[in-house]
Protein backbone atom coordinates (compact mmCIF):
# COMPACT_ATOMS: atom_id res chain seq x y z
CA MET A 1 117.00 102.82 110.27
CA ALA A 2 117.02 104.40 106.80
CA THR A 3 120.30 104.42 104.93
CA ALA A 4 121.35 105.44 101.43
CA PHE A 5 122.10 102.65 99.00
CA ALA A 6 122.42 102.00 95.28
CA THR A 7 119.66 99.99 93.62
CA ARG A 8 120.16 97.40 90.91
CA ASP A 9 119.80 100.09 88.24
CA GLY A 10 122.45 102.27 89.91
CA THR A 11 120.18 105.11 91.11
CA GLU A 12 120.50 106.53 94.59
CA GLY A 13 117.66 106.14 97.06
CA THR A 14 116.71 105.35 100.61
CA ASN A 15 116.55 101.88 102.08
CA ILE A 16 113.40 100.95 104.03
CA THR A 17 113.54 98.31 106.75
CA VAL A 18 111.67 95.15 105.75
CA VAL A 19 110.51 92.96 108.64
CA PRO A 20 109.55 89.30 108.16
CA GLN A 21 106.06 88.78 109.57
CA LYS A 22 107.29 86.11 111.96
CA ASP A 23 108.77 88.96 114.00
CA ASP A 24 106.11 90.18 116.41
CA ARG A 25 105.98 93.90 115.50
CA PHE A 26 102.32 94.45 114.77
CA GLU A 27 101.46 96.81 117.65
CA GLU A 28 100.97 99.73 115.25
CA LEU A 29 98.64 97.71 113.06
CA VAL A 30 96.64 96.55 116.06
CA ALA A 31 96.28 100.20 117.15
CA LEU A 32 95.24 101.16 113.61
CA THR A 33 92.64 98.39 113.51
CA ASP A 34 91.31 99.59 116.86
CA LYS A 35 90.90 103.14 115.46
CA ILE A 36 89.00 101.78 112.47
CA ARG A 37 86.85 99.61 114.74
CA GLN A 38 86.02 102.59 116.96
CA ARG A 39 85.09 104.79 114.00
CA ALA A 40 82.97 102.04 112.43
CA PHE A 41 81.15 101.69 115.76
CA GLU A 42 80.47 105.44 115.76
CA PHE A 43 78.87 105.07 112.30
CA PHE A 44 76.79 102.19 113.69
CA GLN A 45 75.65 104.36 116.58
CA ASP A 46 74.87 107.28 114.24
CA ARG A 47 72.53 104.95 112.33
CA GLY A 48 70.61 104.20 115.51
CA CYS A 49 72.40 100.90 116.24
CA LYS A 50 70.59 99.11 113.41
CA ASP A 51 72.20 95.86 112.26
CA GLY A 52 73.05 95.00 108.68
CA ASN A 53 75.60 97.58 107.55
CA ASP A 54 78.71 96.44 109.40
CA LEU A 55 80.91 96.10 106.29
CA GLU A 56 79.72 99.44 104.95
CA ASP A 57 80.59 101.05 108.30
CA TRP A 58 84.02 99.37 108.32
CA PHE A 59 84.89 100.43 104.77
CA LYS A 60 83.66 103.96 105.41
CA ALA A 61 85.87 104.15 108.53
CA GLU A 62 88.87 102.83 106.57
CA ALA A 63 88.30 105.36 103.79
CA GLU A 64 88.09 108.18 106.33
CA LEU A 65 91.15 107.19 108.36
CA LEU A 66 93.46 105.76 105.71
CA GLN A 67 94.93 107.31 102.60
CA GLN A 68 94.61 105.21 99.45
CA THR A 69 97.84 104.05 97.80
CA PRO A 70 97.63 102.76 94.24
CA ILE A 71 100.06 100.00 93.33
CA GLU A 72 101.66 98.51 90.26
CA LEU A 73 102.64 94.82 90.38
CA ARG A 74 105.14 93.36 87.91
CA GLU A 75 106.31 89.78 87.72
CA SER A 76 109.38 88.11 86.29
CA ARG A 77 110.54 84.52 86.55
CA GLN A 78 112.16 84.96 89.99
CA TRP A 79 110.87 88.30 91.27
CA TYR A 80 107.82 90.40 91.96
CA THR A 81 108.23 94.14 91.82
CA VAL A 82 105.68 96.33 93.58
CA ARG A 83 105.63 100.08 93.04
CA THR A 84 103.41 102.43 95.02
CA GLU A 85 103.04 106.19 95.36
CA VAL A 86 103.80 107.51 98.84
CA PRO A 87 104.15 111.30 98.39
CA GLY A 88 105.00 113.20 101.56
CA PHE A 89 106.35 110.13 103.37
CA ALA A 90 109.98 109.79 104.42
CA ALA A 91 111.75 106.47 104.94
CA LYS A 92 111.31 106.81 108.71
CA ASP A 93 107.52 106.99 108.19
CA LEU A 94 107.29 103.66 106.36
CA MET A 95 107.35 100.02 107.47
CA VAL A 96 107.16 96.95 105.24
CA TRP A 97 106.30 93.46 106.47
CA ALA A 98 106.87 90.34 104.39
CA GLY A 99 104.86 87.15 104.90
CA GLN A 100 104.73 83.83 103.07
CA ASN A 101 102.67 85.17 100.15
CA SER A 102 101.90 88.76 101.06
CA ILE A 103 103.48 92.14 101.65
CA CYS A 104 102.09 94.73 104.07
CA ILE A 105 103.05 98.39 103.79
CA HIS A 106 102.23 100.86 106.57
CA GLY A 107 102.95 104.55 106.41
CA LYS A 108 102.27 107.25 108.95
CA ASN A 109 103.44 110.83 109.15
CA GLU A 110 102.20 113.56 111.44
CA GLN A 111 102.19 117.32 111.10
CA LYS A 112 102.67 119.01 114.44
CA ASN A 113 100.87 122.23 115.23
CA ASP A 114 102.93 124.99 116.76
CA LYS A 115 102.37 128.55 117.96
CA GLU A 116 102.94 129.93 114.45
CA THR A 117 100.26 127.67 112.94
CA PRO A 118 97.03 128.02 114.90
CA TYR A 119 95.02 126.15 112.24
CA THR A 120 95.89 123.69 109.50
CA GLU A 121 94.05 121.17 107.36
CA ILE A 122 97.34 119.53 106.55
CA GLY A 123 97.52 116.86 109.19
CA SER A 124 98.48 113.29 109.72
CA HIS A 125 98.43 110.92 106.82
CA GLU A 126 98.31 107.20 107.29
CA PHE A 127 97.88 104.22 105.03
CA TYR A 128 97.99 100.47 105.26
CA ARG A 129 98.13 98.27 102.20
CA ARG A 130 98.27 94.50 102.08
CA ILE A 131 99.20 92.91 98.78
CA ASP A 132 98.48 89.21 98.39
CA LEU A 133 100.74 87.59 95.82
CA PRO A 134 99.87 84.58 93.65
CA LEU A 135 102.97 82.55 94.61
CA ALA A 136 104.92 82.14 97.83
CA ILE A 137 107.77 84.57 98.46
CA ASP A 138 110.98 84.48 100.48
CA PRO A 139 110.31 86.97 103.32
CA ASN A 140 114.05 87.26 103.97
CA HIS A 141 114.77 88.48 100.42
CA VAL A 142 112.65 91.60 100.09
CA SER A 143 114.16 95.01 99.54
CA ALA A 144 112.38 98.35 99.71
CA HIS A 145 113.60 101.54 98.06
CA LEU A 146 112.13 105.05 98.40
CA ARG A 147 112.88 107.72 95.81
CA ASP A 148 110.95 110.86 94.86
CA GLY A 149 107.72 109.74 96.54
CA MET A 150 107.75 106.27 94.96
CA LEU A 151 108.28 103.11 97.00
CA ASP A 152 109.70 100.18 95.04
CA LEU A 153 109.76 96.68 96.49
CA ASP A 154 111.81 93.86 95.00
CA ILE A 155 110.42 90.56 96.26
CA ARG A 156 112.09 87.25 95.51
CA LYS A 157 109.77 84.34 94.85
CA ALA A 158 110.28 81.28 97.02
CA ALA A 159 112.28 78.51 95.40
CA LEU A 160 109.92 76.34 93.43
CA ALA A 161 110.12 72.57 93.71
CA ARG A 162 112.13 71.18 90.83
CA ARG A 163 110.63 68.51 88.63
CA PHE A 164 112.43 65.22 88.52
CA GLU A 165 111.74 62.61 85.92
CA ALA A 166 111.53 59.10 87.23
CA LYS A 167 113.21 56.68 84.85
CA ALA A 168 112.34 53.04 84.79
CA ALA A 169 115.24 50.76 85.60
């Protein structure tokens, strides 16, 4: 689904499919959450099944299974712009979901072992990042652009209610 396109500043890049959250395409995220849940439960079992550290176990599982992706958020009158580093990911490895006031980015790439590579520490990389935004957005007006390991999202803010002055007759 990735195609070449020109961005607003005229540079070439790769278009990433952006899916409004109302579309029911969260199977990958459910599977990812299940992996985190299973790993957190293993940490719980390793501690002798003692209660009280469930959040610590969850965060430790997330840190182990998911790559961290730093972001930069910029805001103008009508737009948010999110920039994040995604080195090693191609457009086909990335999915962006847009909600009413949040953006979710999921990336997954896998290195396949073959006969010529009996051992590697370079394996699968996966991340999930949810960015909650201060104001509502228009999920149908979000564009994603990948270039040189940087993912740029242009997110239009939802139309704000206009103020009307009531005049006495």
